[in-house]
Protein backbone atom coordinates (compact mmCIF):
# COMPACT_ATOMS: atom_id res chain seq x y z
CA MET A 1 -6.00 -22.55 -2.66
CA LEU A 2 -2.87 -19.60 -2.04
CA SER A 3 -1.60 -19.03 1.09
CA CYS A 4 -1.58 -15.99 3.40
CA LYS A 5 1.98 -15.03 1.93
CA GLU A 6 0.83 -15.42 -1.69
CA ILE A 7 -2.40 -13.18 -0.88
CA GLY A 8 -0.18 -10.57 0.83
CA GLU A 9 1.86 -10.50 -2.46
CA LEU A 10 -1.40 -10.46 -4.74
CA LEU A 11 -2.93 -7.71 -2.43
CA SER A 12 0.37 -5.56 -3.56
CA GLN A 13 0.08 -6.28 -6.65
CA ALA A 14 -3.28 -5.30 -7.18
CA MET A 15 -2.24 -1.86 -5.99
CA ASP A 16 -0.09 -1.50 -9.34
CA ARG A 17 -1.87 -3.71 -11.90
CA LYS A 18 -5.13 -5.21 -12.96
CA LEU A 19 -4.88 -9.04 -11.76
CA SER A 20 -6.06 -12.21 -13.68
CA PHE A 21 -9.70 -13.27 -13.44
CA ARG A 22 -8.46 -16.20 -11.87
CA GLU A 23 -6.29 -14.31 -9.60
CA ARG A 24 -8.89 -12.13 -8.47
CA LEU A 25 -11.24 -14.72 -7.52
CA GLY A 26 -8.76 -16.66 -5.95
CA LEU A 27 -8.41 -13.47 -3.76
CA LYS A 28 -11.80 -13.13 -3.19
CA PHE A 29 -12.14 -16.67 -1.96
CA HIS A 30 -9.21 -16.41 0.21
CA LEU A 31 -10.11 -12.90 1.93
CA PHE A 32 -13.69 -14.26 2.62
CA ILE A 33 -12.47 -17.38 4.39
CA CYS A 34 -9.27 -15.51 6.00
CA LYS A 35 -10.02 -12.66 8.50
CA THR A 36 -6.28 -11.61 8.86
CA CYS A 37 -5.75 -11.35 5.32
CA SER A 38 -9.08 -9.26 4.84
CA CYS A 39 -7.53 -7.18 7.85
CA TYR A 40 -4.32 -6.70 5.73
CA ASP A 41 -6.42 -5.56 2.91
CA ARG A 42 -8.58 -2.89 4.71
CA GLN A 43 -5.04 -1.62 6.09
CA LEU A 44 -3.26 -1.38 2.61
CA GLN A 45 -6.35 0.13 1.57
CA PHE A 46 -6.33 2.84 4.19
CA ILE A 47 -2.39 3.27 3.69
CA ALA A 48 -2.90 3.87 0.01
CA ARG A 49 -5.50 6.52 0.55
CA SER A 50 -3.86 8.48 3.21
CA ALA A 51 -0.94 8.17 0.72
CA ARG A 52 -3.29 9.66 -2.22
CA ARG A 53 -4.50 12.20 0.23
CA LEU A 54 -1.15 13.69 1.29
CA MET A 55 0.13 13.95 -2.40
CA GLN A 56 -3.08 15.95 -3.41
CA PRO A 57 -1.99 19.76 -3.22
CA LYS A 58 -3.72 21.57 -0.66
CA LYS A 59 -6.43 24.33 -1.12
CA ASP A 60 -6.43 25.23 2.19
CA ASN A 61 -3.54 24.70 4.84
CA GLN A 62 -5.65 25.99 7.24
CA GLY A 63 -3.01 28.03 9.11
CA ILE A 64 -0.35 24.83 8.78
CA PRO A 65 3.10 26.29 7.44
CA PRO A 66 4.08 23.93 4.37
CA LEU A 67 7.13 21.60 4.44
CA SER A 68 10.49 22.82 3.37
CA ASN A 69 11.65 21.47 0.17
CA GLU A 70 14.46 19.64 2.43
CA ALA A 71 12.05 18.04 4.72
CA GLU A 72 9.72 17.17 2.21
CA ALA A 73 12.89 15.46 0.09
CA ARG A 74 14.05 13.83 3.33
CA ILE A 75 10.39 12.08 3.89
CA ASN A 76 10.42 11.16 0.20
CA ASN A 77 13.72 9.24 0.56
CA ALA A 78 12.71 7.96 3.92
CA ILE A 79 9.56 6.29 2.67
CA LYS A 80 11.53 5.07 -0.72
CA GLN A 81 14.13 3.58 1.48
CA ARG A 82 11.46 1.65 3.81
CA LEU A 83 9.71 0.86 0.39
CA ASP A 84 13.10 -0.73 -1.15
CA LYS A 85 14.24 -2.37 2.36
CA GLU A 86 10.42 -4.02 2.28
CA GLU A 87 10.81 -5.46 -1.32
CA THR A 88 14.09 -7.12 -0.66
CA ASN A 89 12.90 -8.99 2.23
CA LYS A 90 9.78 -9.94 0.44
CA GLU A 91 12.58 -11.23 -2.36
CA ARG A 92 14.23 -13.46 0.62
């Protein structure tokens, strides 16, 4: 059986590539019995959906002024640095 750490890595990989049948089966089984990893899976899915929504062009900004190019660049930079830091921590 896969460990919770391995499941966390698989959940992350599943966002970037199609998992093999064996990986999907192990993942589904683990998520069925592990409530902590199931919660983590839901959190990852929520974050991914939220990020996709934020990246979609707005049809009506509802009176909210758009971000300046500089602010958008700072936010994107901060996200990239955080993701790079998390990736470095995973490799340890």
